[in-house]
C-alpha cells in the first residue's frame, strides 16, 4: 500500500512529508551514501598525498606542462568516481520508491537494478550537462531553468523505464508551469544545509585554526553532507510525485 499523498500538496506539506519519508528510508539509503563518502575521501587522499606535486623549482611554462601531463589521469579518476557515485544514487531512488510503496527490497537488488539502467542514466546525464552548459553560455537564466526542469529525468528512467532523451523531455514537461514551486521545494532545504555547514566551518575555524583541525573539519563537513544527501533524493521523489498529480488533474 502506498503512503504517498493522493492529492497535490503545498510546499510546506511536501517538506514535512519529506522529513518523514527520509526518516523511514534512512537505514536503507545511508549505506550507499557512506560508500560514496569513502570513495570521495580516497580521491582526496590520492590528490593530496599520493599524486606527486609539481616541482616548484621549474619555471612557469615547465610547471604548466607538467600539470597538463597529469590532467588526463586526474580527469579519468574523477570521471570514474562520478560514475560510481551516480550508480549508488540511482539505487537510492529505487529504495525510496519501495519504502514509499511499502515494498520489500535489499541493498544488492536495488544496486543491480541501477546497473541495468546505468547506460541510459549515463547518456541522460551527458545530455543534461550539455543542455545546461549551452543554456548557461548563451545566458545564465536558461541554464538555471533547465537545471531544474530537466532534473527529474533519472526518476523517469528508473521508475517509468524511459529512454535518455525521452526522460529529459518528460521531466521538462512535468516541471513546466510549476518551475517556481519546484525551485522553492529544493531551495529551502538547500539554504538550511548551507547555513548549517557555514556555522560548523565558522566555529570550527575559530576554535582551532590549525591545518590538522581544518582537515578534520573538512572530513566532518563531508560526512554531514553524506548523511544529508539522501534527503534531497527523497524530496526530489516527493516533488516528482506531486508534479505528476498536478498534471493529471
C-alpha atoms as a PDB file:
ATOM      1  CA  UNK A   1       0.000   0.000   0.000  1.00  0.00           C
ATOM      2  CA  UNK A   2       1.339   3.414  -0.971  1.00  0.00           C
ATOM      3  CA  UNK A   3       1.936   6.043   1.712  1.00  0.00           C
ATOM      4  CA  UNK A   4       2.184   8.818  -0.882  1.00  0.00           C
ATOM      5  CA  UNK A   5      -0.324  11.708  -0.955  1.00  0.00           C
ATOM      6  CA  UNK A   6      -3.226  11.256  -3.351  1.00  0.00           C
ATOM      7  CA  UNK A   7      -3.771  14.995  -3.847  1.00  0.00           C
ATOM      8  CA  UNK A   8      -1.313  17.788  -4.735  1.00  0.00           C
ATOM      9  CA  UNK A   9       0.455  19.215  -1.694  1.00  0.00           C
ATOM     10  CA  UNK A  10       1.702  22.659  -0.727  1.00  0.00           C
ATOM     11  CA  UNK A  11       5.433  23.317  -0.392  1.00  0.00           C
ATOM     12  CA  UNK A  12       5.314  23.096   3.452  1.00  0.00           C
ATOM     13  CA  UNK A  13       3.386  19.807   3.194  1.00  0.00           C
ATOM     14  CA  UNK A  14       5.982  18.363   0.812  1.00  0.00           C
ATOM     15  CA  UNK A  15       8.813  19.437   3.104  1.00  0.00           C
ATOM     16  CA  UNK A  16       7.048  17.895   6.099  1.00  0.00           C
ATOM     17  CA  UNK A  17       6.376  14.635   4.226  1.00  0.00           C
ATOM     18  CA  UNK A  18       9.994  14.545   3.052  1.00  0.00           C
ATOM     19  CA  UNK A  19      11.276  14.515   6.636  1.00  0.00           C
ATOM     20  CA  UNK A  20       9.072  11.520   7.470  1.00  0.00           C
ATOM     21  CA  UNK A  21       9.995   9.576   4.323  1.00  0.00           C
ATOM     22  CA  UNK A  22      13.677  10.381   4.882  1.00  0.00           C
ATOM     23  CA  UNK A  23      13.448   9.007   8.423  1.00  0.00           C
ATOM     24  CA  UNK A  24      11.618   5.881   7.217  1.00  0.00           C
ATOM     25  CA  UNK A  25      14.156   5.185   4.457  1.00  0.00           C
ATOM     26  CA  UNK A  26      17.333   6.375   6.221  1.00  0.00           C
ATOM     27  CA  UNK A  27      18.696   2.931   7.104  1.00  0.00           C
ATOM     28  CA  UNK A  28      18.140   1.753   3.519  1.00  0.00           C
ATOM     29  CA  UNK A  29      19.963   4.739   1.989  1.00  0.00           C
ATOM     30  CA  UNK A  30      22.812   5.615   4.324  1.00  0.00           C
ATOM     31  CA  UNK A  31      24.937   2.640   3.229  1.00  0.00           C
ATOM     32  CA  UNK A  32      25.105   3.918  -0.356  1.00  0.00           C
ATOM     33  CA  UNK A  33      25.877   7.437   0.801  1.00  0.00           C
ATOM     34  CA  UNK A  34      28.692   6.333   3.115  1.00  0.00           C
ATOM     35  CA  UNK A  35      30.281   4.287   0.324  1.00  0.00           C
ATOM     36  CA  UNK A  36      30.259   7.397  -1.877  1.00  0.00           C
ATOM     37  CA  UNK A  37      31.754   9.384   1.015  1.00  0.00           C
ATOM     38  CA  UNK A  38      34.549   6.826   1.344  1.00  0.00           C
ATOM     39  CA  UNK A  39      35.240   6.947  -2.406  1.00  0.00           C
ATOM     40  CA  UNK A  40      35.464  10.734  -2.324  1.00  0.00           C
ATOM     41  CA  UNK A  41      37.815  10.618   0.672  1.00  0.00           C
ATOM     42  CA  UNK A  42      40.078   8.178  -1.184  1.00  0.00           C
ATOM     43  CA  UNK A  43      40.046  10.556  -4.138  1.00  0.00           C
ATOM     44  CA  UNK A  44      41.050  13.444  -1.871  1.00  0.00           C
ATOM     45  CA  UNK A  45      43.851  11.402  -0.309  1.00  0.00           C
ATOM     46  CA  UNK A  46      45.100  10.449  -3.765  1.00  0.00           C
ATOM     47  CA  UNK A  47      45.227  14.077  -4.877  1.00  0.00           C
ATOM     48  CA  UNK A  48      46.858  15.402  -1.709  1.00  0.00           C
ATOM     49  CA  UNK A  49      49.138  12.576  -0.551  1.00  0.00           C
ATOM     50  CA  UNK A  50      49.756  10.093  -3.378  1.00  0.00           C
ATOM     51  CA  UNK A  51      49.906  12.090  -6.576  1.00  0.00           C
ATOM     52  CA  UNK A  52      53.306  13.777  -6.990  1.00  0.00           C
ATOM     53  CA  UNK A  53      53.362  17.558  -6.648  1.00  0.00           C
ATOM     54  CA  UNK A  54      54.675  19.737  -9.456  1.00  0.00           C
ATOM     55  CA  UNK A  55      58.346  20.605  -8.928  1.00  0.00           C
ATOM     56  CA  UNK A  56      58.434  24.164  -7.570  1.00  0.00           C
ATOM     57  CA  UNK A  57      61.950  24.690  -8.971  1.00  0.00           C
ATOM     58  CA  UNK A  58      60.645  24.552 -12.546  1.00  0.00           C
ATOM     59  CA  UNK A  59      59.783  27.757 -14.358  1.00  0.00           C
ATOM     60  CA  UNK A  60      56.141  28.669 -15.036  1.00  0.00           C
ATOM     61  CA  UNK A  61      55.933  27.113 -18.504  1.00  0.00           C
ATOM     62  CA  UNK A  62      57.510  23.848 -17.320  1.00  0.00           C
ATOM     63  CA  UNK A  63      55.107  23.694 -14.351  1.00  0.00           C
ATOM     64  CA  UNK A  64      52.153  24.210 -16.687  1.00  0.00           C
ATOM     65  CA  UNK A  65      53.461  21.468 -18.995  1.00  0.00           C
ATOM     66  CA  UNK A  66      53.843  19.092 -16.032  1.00  0.00           C
ATOM     67  CA  UNK A  67      50.296  19.846 -14.888  1.00  0.00           C
ATOM     68  CA  UNK A  68      48.947  19.207 -18.386  1.00  0.00           C
ATOM     69  CA  UNK A  69      50.653  15.801 -18.383  1.00  0.00           C
ATOM     70  CA  UNK A  70      48.861  14.881 -15.152  1.00  0.00           C
ATOM     71  CA  UNK A  71      45.496  16.281 -16.265  1.00  0.00           C
ATOM     72  CA  UNK A  72      44.254  13.181 -18.182  1.00  0.00           C
ATOM     73  CA  UNK A  73      44.903  10.969 -15.142  1.00  0.00           C
ATOM     74  CA  UNK A  74      43.143  13.432 -12.842  1.00  0.00           C
ATOM     75  CA  UNK A  75      40.104  13.740 -15.091  1.00  0.00           C
ATOM     76  CA  UNK A  76      39.964   9.975 -15.585  1.00  0.00           C
ATOM     77  CA  UNK A  77      39.909   9.278 -11.857  1.00  0.00           C
ATOM     78  CA  UNK A  78      37.305  11.978 -11.199  1.00  0.00           C
ATOM     79  CA  UNK A  79      35.146  10.575 -14.021  1.00  0.00           C
ATOM     80  CA  UNK A  80      35.300   7.048 -12.589  1.00  0.00           C
ATOM     81  CA  UNK A  81      34.333   8.247  -9.098  1.00  0.00           C
ATOM     82  CA  UNK A  82      31.488  10.299 -10.605  1.00  0.00           C
ATOM     83  CA  UNK A  83      30.134   7.244 -12.453  1.00  0.00           C
ATOM     84  CA  UNK A  84      30.492   5.178  -9.292  1.00  0.00           C
ATOM     85  CA  UNK A  85      28.531   7.780  -7.312  1.00  0.00           C
ATOM     86  CA  UNK A  86      25.827   8.032  -9.971  1.00  0.00           C
ATOM     87  CA  UNK A  87      25.244   4.288  -9.747  1.00  0.00           C
ATOM     88  CA  UNK A  88      24.689   4.373  -5.990  1.00  0.00           C
ATOM     89  CA  UNK A  89      22.469   7.464  -6.179  1.00  0.00           C
ATOM     90  CA  UNK A  90      20.310   5.624  -8.723  1.00  0.00           C
ATOM     91  CA  UNK A  91      19.941   2.713  -6.316  1.00  0.00           C
ATOM     92  CA  UNK A  92      18.733   5.198  -3.684  1.00  0.00           C
ATOM     93  CA  UNK A  93      15.815   6.208  -5.906  1.00  0.00           C
ATOM     94  CA  UNK A  94      14.693   2.582  -6.226  1.00  0.00           C
ATOM     95  CA  UNK A  95      14.775   2.103  -2.471  1.00  0.00           C
ATOM     96  CA  UNK A  96      12.940   5.376  -1.770  1.00  0.00           C
ATOM     97  CA  UNK A  97      10.183   4.262  -4.150  1.00  0.00           C
ATOM     98  CA  UNK A  98       9.995   0.885  -2.432  1.00  0.00           C
ATOM     99  CA  UNK A  99       9.751   2.450   1.032  1.00  0.00           C
ATOM    100  CA  UNK A 100       7.049   4.879  -0.140  1.00  0.00           C
ATOM    101  CA  UNK A 101       5.054   1.983  -1.613  1.00  0.00           C
ATOM    102  CA  UNK A 102       5.843  -0.417   1.251  1.00  0.00           C
ATOM    103  CA  UNK A 103       7.644  -2.963  -0.930  1.00  0.00           C
ATOM    104  CA  UNK A 104      10.392  -5.229   0.373  1.00  0.00           C
ATOM    105  CA  UNK A 105      13.846  -4.997  -1.192  1.00  0.00           C
ATOM    106  CA  UNK A 106      17.505  -5.278  -0.285  1.00  0.00           C
ATOM    107  CA  UNK A 107      20.779  -3.442  -0.854  1.00  0.00           C
ATOM    108  CA  UNK A 108      22.046  -5.551  -3.761  1.00  0.00           C
ATOM    109  CA  UNK A 109      18.729  -5.875  -5.605  1.00  0.00           C
ATOM    110  CA  UNK A 110      18.401  -2.105  -5.868  1.00  0.00           C
ATOM    111  CA  UNK A 111      22.034  -1.788  -6.922  1.00  0.00           C
ATOM    112  CA  UNK A 112      21.646  -4.414  -9.661  1.00  0.00           C
ATOM    113  CA  UNK A 113      18.553  -2.647 -10.995  1.00  0.00           C
ATOM    114  CA  UNK A 114      20.589   0.568 -11.116  1.00  0.00           C
ATOM    115  CA  UNK A 115      23.362  -1.239 -13.012  1.00  0.00           C
ATOM    116  CA  UNK A 116      20.867  -2.337 -15.691  1.00  0.00           C
ATOM    117  CA  UNK A 117      19.721   1.248 -16.212  1.00  0.00           C
ATOM    118  CA  UNK A 118      23.189   2.742 -15.924  1.00  0.00           C
ATOM    119  CA  UNK A 119      23.907   3.173 -19.687  1.00  0.00           C
ATOM    120  CA  UNK A 120      20.689   5.166 -20.109  1.00  0.00           C
ATOM    121  CA  UNK A 121      21.421   7.197 -16.968  1.00  0.00           C
ATOM    122  CA  UNK A 122      24.896   7.952 -18.333  1.00  0.00           C
ATOM    123  CA  UNK A 123      23.574   9.181 -21.698  1.00  0.00           C
ATOM    124  CA  UNK A 124      20.877  11.267 -19.992  1.00  0.00           C
ATOM    125  CA  UNK A 125      23.494  12.772 -17.691  1.00  0.00           C
ATOM    126  CA  UNK A 126      25.628  13.779 -20.657  1.00  0.00           C
ATOM    127  CA  UNK A 127      22.654  15.331 -22.467  1.00  0.00           C
ATOM    128  CA  UNK A 128      21.640  17.100 -19.243  1.00  0.00           C
ATOM    129  CA  UNK A 129      25.141  18.556 -18.850  1.00  0.00           C
ATOM    130  CA  UNK A 130      25.268  19.674 -22.486  1.00  0.00           C
ATOM    131  CA  UNK A 131      21.847  21.349 -22.251  1.00  0.00           C
ATOM    132  CA  UNK A 132      22.746  23.244 -19.065  1.00  0.00           C
ATOM    133  CA  UNK A 133      26.146  24.252 -20.443  1.00  0.00           C
ATOM    134  CA  UNK A 134      24.662  25.618 -23.670  1.00  0.00           C
ATOM    135  CA  UNK A 135      21.926  27.423 -21.728  1.00  0.00           C
ATOM    136  CA  UNK A 136      24.480  28.954 -19.358  1.00  0.00           C
ATOM    137  CA  UNK A 137      26.814  30.021 -22.172  1.00  0.00           C
ATOM    138  CA  UNK A 138      24.024  31.747 -24.097  1.00  0.00           C
ATOM    139  CA  UNK A 139      22.515  33.338 -20.988  1.00  0.00           C
ATOM    140  CA  UNK A 140      22.703  32.346 -17.327  1.00  0.00           C
ATOM    141  CA  UNK A 141      18.932  32.217 -16.813  1.00  0.00           C
ATOM    142  CA  UNK A 142      18.188  29.468 -19.408  1.00  0.00           C
ATOM    143  CA  UNK A 143      20.858  27.324 -17.769  1.00  0.00           C
ATOM    144  CA  UNK A 144      19.248  27.752 -14.341  1.00  0.00           C
ATOM    145  CA  UNK A 145      15.793  26.998 -15.744  1.00  0.00           C
ATOM    146  CA  UNK A 146      16.986  23.807 -17.436  1.00  0.00           C
ATOM    147  CA  UNK A 147      18.903  22.736 -14.338  1.00  0.00           C
ATOM    148  CA  UNK A 148      15.565  22.442 -12.507  1.00  0.00           C
ATOM    149  CA  UNK A 149      13.238  21.457 -15.347  1.00  0.00           C
ATOM    150  CA  UNK A 150      15.399  18.531 -16.527  1.00  0.00           C
ATOM    151  CA  UNK A 151      16.346  17.328 -13.045  1.00  0.00           C
ATOM    152  CA  UNK A 152      13.699  14.587 -12.845  1.00  0.00           C
ATOM    153  CA  UNK A 153      14.981  12.606 -15.837  1.00  0.00           C
ATOM    154  CA  UNK A 154      16.508   9.989 -13.530  1.00  0.00           C
ATOM    155  CA  UNK A 155      13.154   9.293 -11.883  1.00  0.00           C
ATOM    156  CA  UNK A 156      11.540   8.723 -15.288  1.00  0.00           C
ATOM    157  CA  UNK A 157      14.362   6.393 -16.362  1.00  0.00           C
ATOM    158  CA  UNK A 158      14.402   4.341 -13.179  1.00  0.00           C
ATOM    159  CA  UNK A 159      10.705   4.303 -12.291  1.00  0.00           C
ATOM    160  CA  UNK A 160       8.998   4.548 -15.694  1.00  0.00           C
ATOM    161  CA  UNK A 161      11.529   2.789 -17.932  1.00  0.00           C
ATOM    162  CA  UNK A 162      12.041   5.738 -20.289  1.00  0.00           C
ATOM    163  CA  UNK A 163      14.998   6.357 -22.573  1.00  0.00           C
ATOM    164  CA  UNK A 164      17.554   9.125 -22.105  1.00  0.00           C
ATOM    165  CA  UNK A 165      16.115  11.789 -24.427  1.00  0.00           C
ATOM    166  CA  UNK A 166      12.518  10.807 -23.661  1.00  0.00           C
ATOM    167  CA  UNK A 167      13.127  11.184 -19.914  1.00  0.00           C
ATOM    168  CA  UNK A 168      14.602  14.672 -20.310  1.00  0.00           C
ATOM    169  CA  UNK A 169      11.623  15.827 -22.360  1.00  0.00           C
ATOM    170  CA  UNK A 170       9.200  14.233 -19.885  1.00  0.00           C
ATOM    171  CA  UNK A 171      10.946  16.000 -16.997  1.00  0.00           C
ATOM    172  CA  UNK A 172      10.770  19.348 -18.793  1.00  0.00           C
ATOM    173  CA  UNK A 173       7.043  18.929 -19.492  1.00  0.00           C
ATOM    174  CA  UNK A 174       6.421  17.837 -15.902  1.00  0.00           C
ATOM    175  CA  UNK A 175       8.084  20.890 -14.359  1.00  0.00           C
ATOM    176  CA  UNK A 176       6.875  23.437 -16.916  1.00  0.00           C
ATOM    177  CA  UNK A 177       4.196  25.605 -15.292  1.00  0.00           C
ATOM    178  CA  UNK A 178       5.388  24.682 -11.797  1.00  0.00           C
ATOM    179  CA  UNK A 179       9.035  25.747 -12.071  1.00  0.00           C
ATOM    180  CA  UNK A 180       8.961  28.234  -9.205  1.00  0.00           C
ATOM    181  CA  UNK A 181       7.180  25.797  -6.897  1.00  0.00           C
ATOM    182  CA  UNK A 182       9.772  23.134  -7.715  1.00  0.00           C
ATOM    183  CA  UNK A 183      12.599  25.603  -7.180  1.00  0.00           C
ATOM    184  CA  UNK A 184      11.299  26.522  -3.723  1.00  0.00           C
ATOM    185  CA  UNK A 185      10.983  22.875  -2.718  1.00  0.00           C
ATOM    186  CA  UNK A 186      14.714  22.419  -3.314  1.00  0.00           C
ATOM    187  CA  UNK A 187      15.824  25.915  -2.297  1.00  0.00           C
ATOM    188  CA  UNK A 188      14.539  25.855   1.298  1.00  0.00           C
ATOM    189  CA  UNK A 189      16.401  22.709   2.475  1.00  0.00           C
ATOM    190  CA  UNK A 190      19.472  23.709   0.439  1.00  0.00           C
ATOM    191  CA  UNK A 191      19.611  27.066   2.211  1.00  0.00           C
ATOM    192  CA  UNK A 192      19.265  25.392   5.614  1.00  0.00           C
ATOM    193  CA  UNK A 193      22.101  22.981   4.776  1.00  0.00           C
ATOM    194  CA  UNK A 194      24.361  25.824   3.614  1.00  0.00           C
ATOM    195  CA  UNK A 195      23.714  27.741   6.843  1.00  0.00           C
ATOM    196  CA  UNK A 196      24.477  24.664   8.974  1.00  0.00           C
ATOM    197  CA  UNK A 197      27.719  23.954   7.095  1.00  0.00           C
ATOM    198  CA  UNK A 198      28.728  27.617   7.371  1.00  0.00           C
ATOM    199  CA  UNK A 199      28.132  27.619  11.136  1.00  0.00           C
ATOM    200  CA  UNK A 200      30.139  24.404  11.553  1.00  0.00           C
ATOM    201  CA  UNK A 201      33.008  25.796   9.473  1.00  0.00           C
ATOM    202  CA  UNK A 202      32.938  29.185  11.218  1.00  0.00           C
ATOM    203  CA  UNK A 203      33.038  27.903  14.779  1.00  0.00           C
ATOM    204  CA  UNK A 204      35.409  25.082  13.867  1.00  0.00           C
ATOM    205  CA  UNK A 205      37.848  27.582  12.381  1.00  0.00           C
ATOM    206  CA  UNK A 206      37.605  29.894  15.381  1.00  0.00           C
ATOM    207  CA  UNK A 207      38.118  27.077  17.877  1.00  0.00           C
ATOM    208  CA  UNK A 208      41.248  25.634  16.268  1.00  0.00           C
ATOM    209  CA  UNK A 209      42.545  27.239  13.052  1.00  0.00           C
ATOM    210  CA  UNK A 210      45.412  24.760  12.515  1.00  0.00           C
ATOM    211  CA  UNK A 211      45.834  22.745   9.309  1.00  0.00           C
ATOM    212  CA  UNK A 212      45.081  19.486  11.135  1.00  0.00           C
ATOM    213  CA  UNK A 213      41.879  20.960  12.523  1.00  0.00           C
ATOM    214  CA  UNK A 214      40.952  22.210   9.050  1.00  0.00           C
ATOM    215  CA  UNK A 215      41.347  18.700   7.625  1.00  0.00           C
ATOM    216  CA  UNK A 216      39.206  17.243  10.419  1.00  0.00           C
ATOM    217  CA  UNK A 217      36.585  19.909   9.787  1.00  0.00           C
ATOM    218  CA  UNK A 218      36.554  19.089   6.068  1.00  0.00           C
ATOM    219  CA  UNK A 219      36.001  15.410   6.828  1.00  0.00           C
ATOM    220  CA  UNK A 220      33.210  16.250   9.281  1.00  0.00           C
ATOM    221  CA  UNK A 221      31.528  18.524   6.725  1.00  0.00           C
ATOM    222  CA  UNK A 222      31.759  15.853   4.014  1.00  0.00           C
ATOM    223  CA  UNK A 223      30.334  13.259   6.400  1.00  0.00           C
ATOM    224  CA  UNK A 224      27.456  15.579   7.288  1.00  0.00           C
ATOM    225  CA  UNK A 225      26.815  16.112   3.580  1.00  0.00           C
ATOM    226  CA  UNK A 226      26.813  12.323   3.081  1.00  0.00           C
ATOM    227  CA  UNK A 227      24.135  11.966   5.752  1.00  0.00           C
ATOM    228  CA  UNK A 228      22.026  14.772   4.285  1.00  0.00           C
ATOM    229  CA  UNK A 229      22.389  13.939   0.564  1.00  0.00           C
ATOM    230  CA  UNK A 230      19.791  11.099   0.579  1.00  0.00           C
ATOM    231  CA  UNK A 231      17.258  13.630   1.848  1.00  0.00           C
ATOM    232  CA  UNK A 232      17.477  15.558  -1.417  1.00  0.00           C
ATOM    233  CA  UNK A 233      16.678  12.396  -3.372  1.00  0.00           C
ATOM    234  CA  UNK A 234      13.693  11.877  -1.064  1.00  0.00           C
ATOM    235  CA  UNK A 235      12.430  15.405  -1.626  1.00  0.00           C
ATOM    236  CA  UNK A 236      13.035  15.030  -5.359  1.00  0.00           C
ATOM    237  CA  UNK A 237      10.965  11.853  -5.338  1.00  0.00           C
ATOM    238  CA  UNK A 238       8.073  13.536  -3.495  1.00  0.00           C
ATOM    239  CA  UNK A 239       8.151  16.568  -5.783  1.00  0.00           C
ATOM    240  CA  UNK A 240       8.188  14.254  -8.813  1.00  0.00           C
ATOM    241  CA  UNK A 241       5.094  12.510  -7.434  1.00  0.00           C
ATOM    242  CA  UNK A 242       3.394  15.825  -6.618  1.00  0.00           C
ATOM    243  CA  UNK A 243       4.002  17.231 -10.094  1.00  0.00           C
ATOM    244  CA  UNK A 244       2.520  14.101 -11.666  1.00  0.00           C
ATOM    245  CA  UNK A 245      -0.608  14.542  -9.527  1.00  0.00           C
ATOM    246  CA  UNK A 246      -0.895  18.145 -10.705  1.00  0.00           C
ATOM    247  CA  UNK A 247      -0.536  17.178 -14.370  1.00  0.00           C
ATOM    248  CA  UNK A 248      -3.224  14.506 -14.006  1.00  0.00           C
ATOM    249  CA  UNK A 249      -5.808  16.855 -12.507  1.00  0.00           C
END
